[in-house]
Amino acid sequence: MNPELLEVALRPLVEKVVEEKLAAFKKDFIEKLVISQEAEKPIPVKDMSVILGISVSHLYKKCRNKEMPHKNKFGRLYFYLSEIKEWMDE
């Protein structure tokens, strides 16, 4: 078989597959980027209690007993979504 004819026949197929894979990769990458940007924003106690569906006092108790990841910044508790997700997956 002639290599030039083979290239002419296969090129559109290969380009289509590459474009589809690239589009899927781009979509996945953008979703992960958005999640990572959101995950790095500090979340205050009230917001985290709503996210987890527990009371603020219960959230403070869990932090005081070191049962969940948290940060203490300027005398206030903050949480990072990425750390909370890891903790919940354990």
C-alpha atoms as a PDB file:
ATOM      1  CA  MET A   1       0.000   0.000   0.000  1.00  0.00           C
ATOM      2  CA  ASN A   2       1.215   3.467  -0.837  1.00  0.00           C
ATOM      3  CA  PRO A   3       2.330   5.372   2.318  1.00  0.00           C
ATOM      4  CA  GLU A   4       1.098   8.680   0.911  1.00  0.00           C
ATOM      5  CA  LEU A   5      -2.399   7.293   0.324  1.00  0.00           C
ATOM      6  CA  LEU A   6      -2.389   5.802   3.803  1.00  0.00           C
ATOM      7  CA  GLU A   7      -1.438   9.185   5.278  1.00  0.00           C
ATOM      8  CA  VAL A   8      -4.184  10.950   3.308  1.00  0.00           C
ATOM      9  CA  ALA A   9      -6.735   8.390   4.487  1.00  0.00           C
ATOM     10  CA  LEU A  10      -5.684   8.333   8.143  1.00  0.00           C
ATOM     11  CA  ARG A  11      -4.871  12.000   8.754  1.00  0.00           C
ATOM     12  CA  PRO A  12      -8.502  13.173   9.227  1.00  0.00           C
ATOM     13  CA  LEU A  13      -9.215  10.270  11.577  1.00  0.00           C
ATOM     14  CA  VAL A  14      -6.125  10.923  13.659  1.00  0.00           C
ATOM     15  CA  GLU A  15      -6.838  14.652  13.802  1.00  0.00           C
ATOM     16  CA  LYS A  16     -10.402  13.978  14.942  1.00  0.00           C
ATOM     17  CA  VAL A  17      -9.266  11.622  17.711  1.00  0.00           C
ATOM     18  CA  VAL A  18      -6.590  14.072  18.878  1.00  0.00           C
ATOM     19  CA  GLU A  19      -9.078  16.957  18.928  1.00  0.00           C
ATOM     20  CA  GLU A  20     -11.590  14.915  20.948  1.00  0.00           C
ATOM     21  CA  LYS A  21      -8.953  13.833  23.454  1.00  0.00           C
ATOM     22  CA  LEU A  22      -7.620  17.372  23.725  1.00  0.00           C
ATOM     23  CA  ALA A  23     -11.110  18.799  24.299  1.00  0.00           C
ATOM     24  CA  ALA A  24     -11.792  16.234  27.042  1.00  0.00           C
ATOM     25  CA  PHE A  25      -8.427  16.952  28.667  1.00  0.00           C
ATOM     26  CA  LYS A  26      -9.022  20.714  28.498  1.00  0.00           C
ATOM     27  CA  LYS A  27     -12.473  20.385  30.100  1.00  0.00           C
ATOM     28  CA  ASP A  28     -11.113  18.169  32.893  1.00  0.00           C
ATOM     29  CA  PHE A  29      -8.144  20.492  33.463  1.00  0.00           C
ATOM     30  CA  ILE A  30     -10.359  23.582  33.733  1.00  0.00           C
ATOM     31  CA  GLU A  31     -12.687  21.835  36.208  1.00  0.00           C
ATOM     32  CA  LYS A  32      -9.741  20.801  38.367  1.00  0.00           C
ATOM     33  CA  LEU A  33      -8.277  24.296  38.192  1.00  0.00           C
ATOM     34  CA  VAL A  34     -11.543  25.854  39.359  1.00  0.00           C
ATOM     35  CA  ILE A  35     -11.793  23.319  42.200  1.00  0.00           C
ATOM     36  CA  SER A  36      -8.203  23.930  43.281  1.00  0.00           C
ATOM     37  CA  GLN A  37      -8.714  27.699  43.263  1.00  0.00           C
ATOM     38  CA  GLU A  38     -11.877  27.333  45.356  1.00  0.00           C
ATOM     39  CA  ALA A  39     -10.200  24.848  47.655  1.00  0.00           C
ATOM     40  CA  GLU A  40      -7.481  27.303  48.618  1.00  0.00           C
ATOM     41  CA  LYS A  41      -9.812  30.057  49.780  1.00  0.00           C
ATOM     42  CA  PRO A  42     -10.103  30.045  53.571  1.00  0.00           C
ATOM     43  CA  ILE A  43     -13.624  29.193  54.701  1.00  0.00           C
ATOM     44  CA  PRO A  44     -14.915  30.782  57.922  1.00  0.00           C
ATOM     45  CA  VAL A  45     -16.582  28.764  60.694  1.00  0.00           C
ATOM     46  CA  LYS A  46     -20.170  29.742  59.888  1.00  0.00           C
ATOM     47  CA  ASP A  47     -19.809  28.799  56.233  1.00  0.00           C
ATOM     48  CA  MET A  48     -18.122  25.492  57.067  1.00  0.00           C
ATOM     49  CA  SER A  49     -20.879  24.598  59.527  1.00  0.00           C
ATOM     50  CA  VAL A  50     -23.422  25.087  56.716  1.00  0.00           C
ATOM     51  CA  ILE A  51     -21.316  23.029  54.281  1.00  0.00           C
ATOM     52  CA  LEU A  52     -20.954  20.150  56.755  1.00  0.00           C
ATOM     53  CA  GLY A  53     -24.481  20.463  58.118  1.00  0.00           C
ATOM     54  CA  ILE A  54     -23.396  20.710  61.754  1.00  0.00           C
ATOM     55  CA  SER A  55     -23.749  23.470  64.337  1.00  0.00           C
ATOM     56  CA  VAL A  56     -21.056  26.069  64.899  1.00  0.00           C
ATOM     57  CA  SER A  57     -20.563  24.868  68.488  1.00  0.00           C
ATOM     58  CA  HIS A  58     -20.109  21.268  67.299  1.00  0.00           C
ATOM     59  CA  LEU A  59     -17.569  22.476  64.741  1.00  0.00           C
ATOM     60  CA  TYR A  60     -15.614  24.329  67.460  1.00  0.00           C
ATOM     61  CA  LYS A  61     -15.732  21.192  69.633  1.00  0.00           C
ATOM     62  CA  LYS A  62     -14.307  19.044  66.800  1.00  0.00           C
ATOM     63  CA  CYS A  63     -11.489  21.559  66.298  1.00  0.00           C
ATOM     64  CA  ARG A  64     -10.755  21.841  70.010  1.00  0.00           C
ATOM     65  CA  ASN A  65     -10.468  18.033  70.204  1.00  0.00           C
ATOM     66  CA  LYS A  66      -8.319  18.034  67.035  1.00  0.00           C
ATOM     67  CA  GLU A  67     -10.802  15.773  65.271  1.00  0.00           C
ATOM     68  CA  MET A  68     -10.713  17.696  62.006  1.00  0.00           C
ATOM     69  CA  PRO A  69      -8.235  19.874  60.067  1.00  0.00           C
ATOM     70  CA  HIS A  70      -8.406  23.601  60.669  1.00  0.00           C
ATOM     71  CA  LYS A  71      -6.236  26.707  60.739  1.00  0.00           C
ATOM     72  CA  ASN A  72      -6.104  29.415  63.316  1.00  0.00           C
ATOM     73  CA  LYS A  73      -5.521  32.791  61.709  1.00  0.00           C
ATOM     74  CA  PHE A  74      -5.702  36.107  63.560  1.00  0.00           C
ATOM     75  CA  GLY A  75      -7.464  34.369  66.446  1.00  0.00           C
ATOM     76  CA  ARG A  76     -10.170  32.905  64.218  1.00  0.00           C
ATOM     77  CA  LEU A  77     -10.751  29.431  62.851  1.00  0.00           C
ATOM     78  CA  TYR A  78     -10.609  28.848  59.121  1.00  0.00           C
ATOM     79  CA  PHE A  79     -10.854  25.777  56.963  1.00  0.00           C
ATOM     80  CA  TYR A  80      -9.572  24.814  53.532  1.00  0.00           C
ATOM     81  CA  LEU A  81     -11.894  22.743  51.392  1.00  0.00           C
ATOM     82  CA  SER A  82      -9.070  20.555  50.063  1.00  0.00           C
ATOM     83  CA  GLU A  83      -8.091  19.561  53.615  1.00  0.00           C
ATOM     84  CA  ILE A  84     -11.713  18.905  54.585  1.00  0.00           C
ATOM     85  CA  LYS A  85     -12.227  16.695  51.510  1.00  0.00           C
ATOM     86  CA  GLU A  86      -9.094  14.677  52.367  1.00  0.00           C
ATOM     87  CA  TRP A  87     -10.245  14.349  55.981  1.00  0.00           C
ATOM     88  CA  MET A  88     -13.689  13.154  54.908  1.00  0.00           C
ATOM     89  CA  ASP A  89     -12.163  10.569  52.551  1.00  0.00           C
ATOM     90  CA  GLU A  90     -10.141   9.006  55.369  1.00  0.00           C
END
